[in-house]
């Protein structure tokens, strides 16, 4: 029987996630990762064991039972913290540096973007991912749904 055909559960103990196969008391610590965290977040999930070896690749979290799915969602949200921009308060361009002042779902933020061709990723579905100089990711879920002032400020920095 292949690893993917075995029934398993994901269990959280304090700040760690463990995988346990049905019929076994043995648990192994695992990490959950999106194989394509920017372009295909929410699709496939890789379960990584010790030694950074992939144990399982799931095509969807829907394959998990409800308890395991809740553990997986919580873990992935913790691992891939992305601030979602709801309003662009102001931008400034200075010698190629883009300074952003925004409201997000996590509060007001200020950040700097250098090399916009590498650090501003546009998707066909109207979504934009911005990576600041500290490596943090900020997401505009729908550029067209921003208010007119926010769009005007964003266009100045793009």
N, C-alpha and C. Protein backbone atom coordinates (compact mmCIF):
# COMPACT_ATOMS: atom_id res chain seq x y z
N UNK A 1 0.86 -1.19 0.00
CA UNK A 1 0.00 0.00 0.00
C UNK A 1 0.90 1.24 0.00
N UNK A 2 0.64 2.19 -0.90
CA UNK A 2 1.47 3.40 -0.97
C UNK A 2 1.14 4.32 0.20
N UNK A 3 2.05 5.25 0.44
CA UNK A 3 1.87 6.20 1.55
C UNK A 3 0.57 6.98 1.38
N UNK A 4 0.24 7.37 0.13
CA UNK A 4 -0.95 8.18 -0.10
C UNK A 4 -2.24 7.40 0.10
N UNK A 5 -2.19 6.08 -0.03
CA UNK A 5 -3.40 5.28 0.12
C UNK A 5 -3.71 5.01 1.59
N UNK A 6 -2.71 5.13 2.45
CA UNK A 6 -2.95 4.91 3.88
C UNK A 6 -3.77 6.06 4.44
N UNK A 7 -4.62 5.74 5.39
CA UNK A 7 -5.39 6.77 6.09
C UNK A 7 -4.50 7.35 7.19
N UNK A 8 -4.59 8.64 7.38
CA UNK A 8 -3.75 9.30 8.37
C UNK A 8 -4.48 10.49 8.97
N UNK A 9 -3.92 11.01 10.05
CA UNK A 9 -4.44 12.19 10.73
C UNK A 9 -3.30 13.15 10.98
N UNK A 10 -3.62 14.43 10.97
CA UNK A 10 -2.68 15.45 11.40
C UNK A 10 -3.12 15.91 12.77
N UNK A 11 -2.16 15.99 13.68
CA UNK A 11 -2.44 16.33 15.08
C UNK A 11 -1.53 17.47 15.49
N UNK A 12 -2.08 18.46 16.20
CA UNK A 12 -1.26 19.54 16.74
C UNK A 12 -1.00 19.26 18.21
N UNK A 13 0.27 19.38 18.58
CA UNK A 13 0.69 19.31 19.98
C UNK A 13 1.56 20.53 20.23
N UNK A 14 1.03 21.44 21.04
CA UNK A 14 1.67 22.73 21.27
C UNK A 14 1.90 23.43 19.93
N UNK A 15 3.15 23.69 19.56
CA UNK A 15 3.40 24.40 18.32
C UNK A 15 3.89 23.49 17.20
N UNK A 16 3.72 22.19 17.32
CA UNK A 16 4.18 21.23 16.31
C UNK A 16 3.01 20.46 15.73
N UNK A 17 3.19 20.01 14.49
CA UNK A 17 2.19 19.17 13.83
C UNK A 17 2.80 17.79 13.64
N UNK A 18 1.99 16.77 13.91
CA UNK A 18 2.44 15.38 13.78
C UNK A 18 1.50 14.63 12.85
N UNK A 19 2.05 13.65 12.17
CA UNK A 19 1.28 12.78 11.30
C UNK A 19 1.20 11.40 11.96
N UNK A 20 -0.01 10.86 12.02
CA UNK A 20 -0.22 9.52 12.58
C UNK A 20 -1.10 8.73 11.64
N UNK A 21 -0.62 7.56 11.24
CA UNK A 21 -1.41 6.68 10.38
C UNK A 21 -2.43 5.94 11.22
N UNK A 22 -3.60 5.69 10.65
CA UNK A 22 -4.64 4.94 11.35
C UNK A 22 -4.09 3.56 11.72
N UNK A 23 -4.45 3.10 12.92
CA UNK A 23 -4.01 1.79 13.37
C UNK A 23 -2.62 1.81 13.97
N UNK A 24 -2.02 2.97 14.09
CA UNK A 24 -0.67 3.08 14.64
C UNK A 24 -0.66 4.12 15.74
N UNK A 25 0.15 3.89 16.76
CA UNK A 25 0.31 4.88 17.82
C UNK A 25 1.51 5.78 17.56
N UNK A 26 2.28 5.44 16.55
CA UNK A 26 3.49 6.19 16.24
C UNK A 26 3.14 7.50 15.53
N UNK A 27 3.76 8.58 15.97
CA UNK A 27 3.55 9.89 15.38
C UNK A 27 4.89 10.45 14.93
N UNK A 28 4.89 11.10 13.79
CA UNK A 28 6.13 11.72 13.34
C UNK A 28 5.90 13.20 13.09
N UNK A 29 6.85 14.04 13.51
CA UNK A 29 6.70 15.49 13.29
C UNK A 29 6.79 15.81 11.80
N UNK A 30 5.94 16.72 11.36
CA UNK A 30 5.91 17.11 9.95
C UNK A 30 5.75 18.62 9.82
N UNK A 31 6.06 19.11 8.63
CA UNK A 31 5.80 20.49 8.25
C UNK A 31 4.88 20.45 7.03
N UNK A 32 4.02 21.43 6.91
CA UNK A 32 3.15 21.53 5.73
C UNK A 32 3.58 22.74 4.93
N UNK A 33 3.71 22.55 3.62
CA UNK A 33 4.13 23.65 2.76
C UNK A 33 3.31 23.67 1.48
N UNK A 34 3.13 24.86 0.93
CA UNK A 34 2.56 25.00 -0.40
C UNK A 34 3.72 24.83 -1.37
N UNK A 35 3.66 23.89 -2.30
CA UNK A 35 4.75 23.76 -3.27
C UNK A 35 4.94 25.01 -4.14
N UNK A 36 3.84 25.72 -4.41
CA UNK A 36 3.89 26.97 -5.19
C UNK A 36 3.17 28.05 -4.38
N UNK A 37 3.85 28.61 -3.37
CA UNK A 37 3.16 29.51 -2.43
C UNK A 37 2.67 30.83 -3.01
N UNK A 38 3.25 31.29 -4.09
CA UNK A 38 2.81 32.56 -4.66
C UNK A 38 1.74 32.33 -5.72
N UNK A 39 2.01 31.48 -6.69
CA UNK A 39 1.11 31.35 -7.83
C UNK A 39 -0.02 30.36 -7.62
N UNK A 40 0.13 29.40 -6.71
CA UNK A 40 -0.92 28.38 -6.55
C UNK A 40 -1.22 28.08 -5.09
N UNK A 41 -1.25 29.11 -4.30
CA UNK A 41 -1.60 28.92 -2.89
C UNK A 41 -3.03 28.39 -2.81
N UNK A 42 -3.24 27.41 -1.94
CA UNK A 42 -4.57 26.85 -1.79
C UNK A 42 -4.80 25.62 -2.63
N UNK A 43 -3.83 25.23 -3.41
CA UNK A 43 -3.97 24.04 -4.24
C UNK A 43 -3.25 22.88 -3.55
N UNK A 44 -2.17 22.36 -4.15
CA UNK A 44 -1.47 21.22 -3.59
C UNK A 44 -0.79 21.57 -2.26
N UNK A 45 -0.67 20.55 -1.39
CA UNK A 45 0.01 20.70 -0.11
C UNK A 45 1.00 19.56 0.02
N UNK A 46 2.23 19.91 0.38
CA UNK A 46 3.26 18.90 0.59
C UNK A 46 3.45 18.72 2.09
N UNK A 47 3.50 17.45 2.52
CA UNK A 47 3.76 17.14 3.92
C UNK A 47 5.20 16.64 3.98
N UNK A 48 6.02 17.40 4.73
CA UNK A 48 7.46 17.17 4.80
C UNK A 48 7.82 16.59 6.16
N UNK A 49 8.61 15.52 6.14
CA UNK A 49 9.08 14.90 7.37
C UNK A 49 10.48 15.36 7.73
N UNK A 50 11.08 14.64 8.67
CA UNK A 50 12.44 14.97 9.09
C UNK A 50 13.40 14.79 7.93
N UNK A 51 14.46 15.55 7.92
CA UNK A 51 15.41 15.48 6.83
C UNK A 51 14.92 16.15 5.57
N UNK A 52 13.84 16.94 5.69
CA UNK A 52 13.25 17.68 4.57
C UNK A 52 12.82 16.76 3.43
N UNK A 53 12.40 15.55 3.77
CA UNK A 53 11.92 14.60 2.76
C UNK A 53 10.40 14.67 2.69
N UNK A 54 9.90 14.71 1.46
CA UNK A 54 8.45 14.74 1.28
C UNK A 54 7.86 13.37 1.60
N UNK A 55 6.85 13.37 2.45
CA UNK A 55 6.15 12.14 2.82
C UNK A 55 4.93 11.96 1.92
N UNK A 56 4.16 13.04 1.77
CA UNK A 56 2.93 13.00 0.98
C UNK A 56 2.75 14.30 0.20
N UNK A 57 2.09 14.20 -0.94
CA UNK A 57 1.66 15.37 -1.70
C UNK A 57 0.15 15.23 -1.86
N UNK A 58 -0.57 16.19 -1.33
CA UNK A 58 -2.03 16.18 -1.43
C UNK A 58 -2.45 17.16 -2.51
N UNK A 59 -3.38 16.76 -3.35
CA UNK A 59 -3.85 17.67 -4.39
C UNK A 59 -4.78 18.74 -3.83
N UNK A 60 -5.27 18.53 -2.59
CA UNK A 60 -6.19 19.48 -1.98
C UNK A 60 -6.33 19.17 -0.50
N UNK A 61 -6.62 20.18 0.30
CA UNK A 61 -6.90 19.96 1.72
C UNK A 61 -8.21 19.21 1.90
N UNK A 62 -9.05 19.18 0.88
CA UNK A 62 -10.32 18.48 0.95
C UNK A 62 -10.13 16.98 1.14
N UNK A 63 -8.95 16.46 0.87
CA UNK A 63 -8.66 15.04 1.05
C UNK A 63 -8.58 14.66 2.54
N UNK A 64 -8.43 15.68 3.39
CA UNK A 64 -8.27 15.44 4.82
C UNK A 64 -9.62 15.41 5.54
N UNK A 65 -9.66 14.69 6.66
CA UNK A 65 -10.85 14.73 7.51
C UNK A 65 -10.93 16.12 8.13
N UNK A 66 -12.07 16.47 8.70
CA UNK A 66 -12.30 17.84 9.16
C UNK A 66 -11.30 18.29 10.23
N UNK A 67 -10.93 17.40 11.17
CA UNK A 67 -9.98 17.78 12.22
C UNK A 67 -8.59 18.04 11.63
N UNK A 68 -8.15 17.14 10.75
CA UNK A 68 -6.84 17.30 10.11
C UNK A 68 -6.81 18.53 9.22
N UNK A 69 -7.92 18.79 8.53
CA UNK A 69 -8.00 19.96 7.66
C UNK A 69 -7.86 21.24 8.48
N UNK A 70 -8.50 21.29 9.65
CA UNK A 70 -8.40 22.47 10.52
C UNK A 70 -6.95 22.68 10.98
N UNK A 71 -6.27 21.60 11.35
CA UNK A 71 -4.86 21.68 11.76
C UNK A 71 -4.02 22.18 10.60
N UNK A 72 -4.25 21.64 9.40
CA UNK A 72 -3.48 22.02 8.22
C UNK A 72 -3.71 23.50 7.87
N UNK A 73 -4.95 23.95 7.88
CA UNK A 73 -5.24 25.34 7.55
C UNK A 73 -4.56 26.29 8.53
N UNK A 74 -4.65 25.98 9.81
CA UNK A 74 -4.03 26.82 10.84
C UNK A 74 -2.51 26.86 10.63
N UNK A 75 -1.91 25.72 10.38
CA UNK A 75 -0.46 25.66 10.19
C UNK A 75 -0.01 26.42 8.95
N UNK A 76 -0.73 26.29 7.86
CA UNK A 76 -0.37 26.99 6.63
C UNK A 76 -0.56 28.50 6.77
N UNK A 77 -1.58 28.92 7.49
CA UNK A 77 -1.78 30.35 7.73
C UNK A 77 -0.65 30.92 8.57
N UNK A 78 -0.17 30.16 9.54
CA UNK A 78 0.95 30.60 10.37
C UNK A 78 2.24 30.68 9.56
N UNK A 79 2.45 29.69 8.70
CA UNK A 79 3.69 29.62 7.91
C UNK A 79 3.73 30.70 6.84
N UNK A 80 2.60 30.96 6.20
CA UNK A 80 2.55 31.89 5.07
C UNK A 80 1.71 33.11 5.43
N UNK A 81 2.20 33.88 6.35
CA UNK A 81 1.52 35.09 6.79
C UNK A 81 1.63 36.15 5.69
N UNK A 82 0.53 36.54 5.13
CA UNK A 82 0.50 37.53 4.06
C UNK A 82 -0.51 38.62 4.46
N UNK A 83 -0.03 39.84 4.48
CA UNK A 83 -0.92 40.96 4.78
C UNK A 83 -1.70 41.31 3.51
N UNK A 84 -3.01 41.41 3.63
CA UNK A 84 -3.86 41.75 2.49
C UNK A 84 -4.17 43.25 2.52
N UNK A 85 -3.74 43.92 1.47
CA UNK A 85 -3.90 45.37 1.37
C UNK A 85 -5.35 45.71 1.04
N UNK A 86 -5.96 46.55 1.87
CA UNK A 86 -7.34 46.96 1.66
C UNK A 86 -7.45 48.39 1.13
N UNK A 87 -6.37 49.19 1.38
CA UNK A 87 -6.37 50.59 0.93
C UNK A 87 -4.93 51.07 0.84
N UNK A 88 -4.63 51.82 -0.21
CA UNK A 88 -3.30 52.42 -0.35
C UNK A 88 -3.42 53.88 0.09
N UNK A 89 -2.79 54.19 1.20
CA UNK A 89 -2.87 55.53 1.77
C UNK A 89 -1.97 56.49 0.99
N UNK A 90 -0.78 56.03 0.65
CA UNK A 90 0.14 56.88 -0.09
C UNK A 90 1.33 56.08 -0.61
N UNK A 91 1.94 56.59 -1.67
CA UNK A 91 3.17 56.00 -2.21
C UNK A 91 4.11 57.12 -2.58
N UNK A 92 5.39 56.78 -2.64
CA UNK A 92 6.39 57.75 -3.05
C UNK A 92 7.48 56.99 -3.79
N UNK A 93 7.96 57.58 -4.89
CA UNK A 93 9.06 56.99 -5.65
C UNK A 93 10.25 57.91 -5.50
N UNK A 94 11.37 57.35 -5.05
CA UNK A 94 12.57 58.13 -4.81
C UNK A 94 13.79 57.34 -5.25
N UNK A 95 14.42 57.75 -6.33
CA UNK A 95 15.61 57.09 -6.88
C UNK A 95 15.36 55.60 -7.11
N UNK A 96 14.20 55.26 -7.66
CA UNK A 96 13.88 53.88 -7.98
C UNK A 96 13.30 53.09 -6.82
N UNK A 97 13.33 53.63 -5.62
CA UNK A 97 12.74 52.97 -4.46
C UNK A 97 11.27 53.34 -4.38
N UNK A 98 10.43 52.35 -4.08
CA UNK A 98 9.00 52.57 -3.95
C UNK A 98 8.60 52.45 -2.48
N UNK A 99 8.15 53.54 -1.90
CA UNK A 99 7.70 53.56 -0.51
C UNK A 99 6.18 53.47 -0.51
N UNK A 100 5.66 52.51 0.24
CA UNK A 100 4.22 52.28 0.31
C UNK A 100 3.74 52.52 1.74
N UNK A 101 2.58 53.15 1.86
CA UNK A 101 1.88 53.31 3.14
C UNK A 101 0.47 52.78 2.89
N UNK A 102 0.11 51.70 3.58
CA UNK A 102 -1.14 51.00 3.27
C UNK A 102 -1.91 50.62 4.53
N UNK A 103 -3.18 50.34 4.35
CA UNK A 103 -4.01 49.68 5.37
C UNK A 103 -4.10 48.22 4.93
N UNK A 104 -3.98 47.30 5.89
CA UNK A 104 -4.10 45.87 5.59
C UNK A 104 -5.07 45.24 6.58
N UNK A 105 -5.32 43.96 6.36
CA UNK A 105 -6.16 43.22 7.30
C UNK A 105 -5.46 43.02 8.65
N UNK A 106 -4.21 43.43 8.75
CA UNK A 106 -3.44 43.34 9.99
C UNK A 106 -3.07 44.71 10.54
N UNK A 107 -3.68 45.74 9.97
CA UNK A 107 -3.40 47.10 10.43
C UNK A 107 -2.61 47.91 9.42
N UNK A 108 -2.27 49.12 9.80
CA UNK A 108 -1.54 50.02 8.93
C UNK A 108 -0.08 49.59 8.82
N UNK A 109 0.49 49.68 7.60
CA UNK A 109 1.87 49.25 7.36
C UNK A 109 2.56 50.25 6.43
N UNK A 110 3.87 50.36 6.62
CA UNK A 110 4.73 51.09 5.70
C UNK A 110 5.84 50.13 5.29
N UNK A 111 6.17 50.11 3.99
CA UNK A 111 7.23 49.23 3.52
C UNK A 111 7.87 49.80 2.27
N UNK A 112 9.02 49.23 1.92
CA UNK A 112 9.82 49.67 0.78
C UNK A 112 9.97 48.54 -0.21
N UNK A 113 9.81 48.86 -1.49
CA UNK A 113 10.04 47.88 -2.56
C UNK A 113 11.13 48.42 -3.48
N UNK A 114 12.12 47.58 -3.73
CA UNK A 114 13.16 47.89 -4.72
C UNK A 114 12.96 46.92 -5.88
N UNK A 115 13.41 47.29 -7.03
CA UNK A 115 13.32 46.46 -8.23
C UNK A 115 11.89 45.95 -8.45
N UNK A 116 10.97 46.84 -8.79
CA UNK A 116 9.57 46.43 -8.94
C UNK A 116 9.36 45.33 -9.98
N UNK A 117 10.20 45.25 -10.99
CA UNK A 117 10.01 44.20 -12.00
C UNK A 117 10.20 42.81 -11.39
N UNK A 118 10.95 42.71 -10.30
CA UNK A 118 11.16 41.42 -9.63
C UNK A 118 10.25 41.24 -8.43
N UNK A 119 9.82 42.33 -7.82
CA UNK A 119 9.13 42.25 -6.54
C UNK A 119 7.66 42.65 -6.56
N UNK A 120 7.12 42.88 -7.76
CA UNK A 120 5.68 43.10 -7.93
C UNK A 120 5.20 42.09 -8.94
N UNK A 121 4.40 41.15 -8.50
CA UNK A 121 3.94 40.06 -9.37
C UNK A 121 2.46 40.24 -9.65
N UNK A 122 2.13 40.43 -10.93
CA UNK A 122 0.74 40.57 -11.37
C UNK A 122 0.22 39.22 -11.83
N UNK A 123 -0.98 38.89 -11.47
CA UNK A 123 -1.63 37.66 -11.91
C UNK A 123 -2.81 38.02 -12.80
N UNK A 124 -3.18 37.10 -13.67
CA UNK A 124 -4.28 37.34 -14.62
C UNK A 124 -5.60 37.63 -13.93
N UNK A 125 -5.75 37.13 -12.73
CA UNK A 125 -7.04 37.29 -12.05
C UNK A 125 -7.13 38.61 -11.26
N UNK A 126 -6.29 39.62 -11.62
CA UNK A 126 -6.39 40.94 -11.01
C UNK A 126 -5.72 41.00 -9.63
N UNK A 127 -4.92 40.00 -9.30
CA UNK A 127 -4.26 39.91 -8.00
C UNK A 127 -2.81 40.37 -8.15
N UNK A 128 -2.29 41.02 -7.12
CA UNK A 128 -0.90 41.49 -7.12
C UNK A 128 -0.24 41.06 -5.81
N UNK A 129 0.97 40.52 -5.92
CA UNK A 129 1.78 40.21 -4.75
C UNK A 129 2.96 41.17 -4.76
N UNK A 130 3.19 41.84 -3.63
CA UNK A 130 4.31 42.76 -3.47
C UNK A 130 5.26 42.17 -2.42
N UNK A 131 6.55 42.12 -2.75
CA UNK A 131 7.55 41.62 -1.79
C UNK A 131 8.44 42.80 -1.40
N UNK A 132 8.46 43.11 -0.11
CA UNK A 132 9.24 44.27 0.34
C UNK A 132 10.71 43.88 0.57
N UNK A 133 11.51 44.86 0.95
CA UNK A 133 12.95 44.64 1.11
C UNK A 133 13.29 43.71 2.28
N UNK A 134 12.35 43.48 3.18
CA UNK A 134 12.57 42.56 4.29
C UNK A 134 12.09 41.15 3.98
N UNK A 135 11.53 40.95 2.78
CA UNK A 135 11.05 39.63 2.38
C UNK A 135 9.60 39.36 2.73
N UNK A 136 8.91 40.35 3.29
CA UNK A 136 7.50 40.19 3.62
C UNK A 136 6.66 40.29 2.35
N UNK A 137 5.57 39.54 2.33
CA UNK A 137 4.65 39.57 1.19
C UNK A 137 3.39 40.32 1.57
N UNK A 138 2.92 41.14 0.64
CA UNK A 138 1.68 41.89 0.78
C UNK A 138 0.86 41.58 -0.46
N UNK A 139 -0.44 41.40 -0.29
CA UNK A 139 -1.29 41.00 -1.40
C UNK A 139 -2.41 42.00 -1.62
N UNK A 140 -2.60 42.35 -2.88
CA UNK A 140 -3.81 43.07 -3.29
C UNK A 140 -4.65 42.01 -3.97
N UNK A 141 -5.71 41.56 -3.29
CA UNK A 141 -6.52 40.46 -3.83
C UNK A 141 -7.19 40.81 -5.15
N UNK A 142 -7.65 42.05 -5.26
CA UNK A 142 -8.30 42.49 -6.49
C UNK A 142 -7.98 43.96 -6.71
N UNK A 143 -7.07 44.22 -7.62
CA UNK A 143 -6.66 45.60 -7.90
C UNK A 143 -7.86 46.44 -8.33
N UNK A 144 -8.72 45.88 -9.17
CA UNK A 144 -9.87 46.64 -9.68
C UNK A 144 -10.89 46.97 -8.58
N UNK A 145 -10.87 46.24 -7.48
CA UNK A 145 -11.84 46.53 -6.42
C UNK A 145 -11.32 47.56 -5.41
N UNK A 146 -10.06 48.00 -5.56
CA UNK A 146 -9.58 49.08 -4.70
C UNK A 146 -10.32 50.37 -5.05
N UNK A 147 -10.43 51.27 -4.09
CA UNK A 147 -11.08 52.56 -4.38
C UNK A 147 -10.18 53.35 -5.34
N UNK A 148 -10.77 54.35 -6.00
CA UNK A 148 -10.07 55.12 -7.04
C UNK A 148 -8.79 55.78 -6.51
N UNK A 149 -8.82 56.32 -5.33
CA UNK A 149 -7.63 56.97 -4.75
C UNK A 149 -6.53 55.95 -4.51
N UNK A 150 -6.88 54.79 -4.01
CA UNK A 150 -5.90 53.73 -3.78
C UNK A 150 -5.25 53.29 -5.08
N UNK A 151 -6.06 53.13 -6.12
CA UNK A 151 -5.52 52.73 -7.44
C UNK A 151 -4.56 53.78 -7.97
N UNK A 152 -4.94 55.07 -7.81
CA UNK A 152 -4.08 56.15 -8.29
C UNK A 152 -2.75 56.17 -7.54
N UNK A 153 -2.78 55.97 -6.24
CA UNK A 153 -1.56 55.91 -5.46
C UNK A 153 -0.70 54.71 -5.85
N UNK A 154 -1.33 53.56 -6.04
CA UNK A 154 -0.60 52.35 -6.42
C UNK A 154 0.05 52.52 -7.79
N UNK A 155 -0.68 53.11 -8.74
CA UNK A 155 -0.15 53.30 -10.11
C UNK A 155 1.09 54.19 -10.09
N UNK A 156 1.17 55.12 -9.18
CA UNK A 156 2.33 55.99 -9.07
C UNK A 156 3.59 55.18 -8.74
N UNK A 157 3.43 54.12 -7.97
CA UNK A 157 4.58 53.33 -7.53
C UNK A 157 4.85 52.11 -8.38
N UNK A 158 4.04 51.88 -9.41
CA UNK A 158 4.24 50.66 -10.21
C UNK A 158 5.08 50.90 -11.44
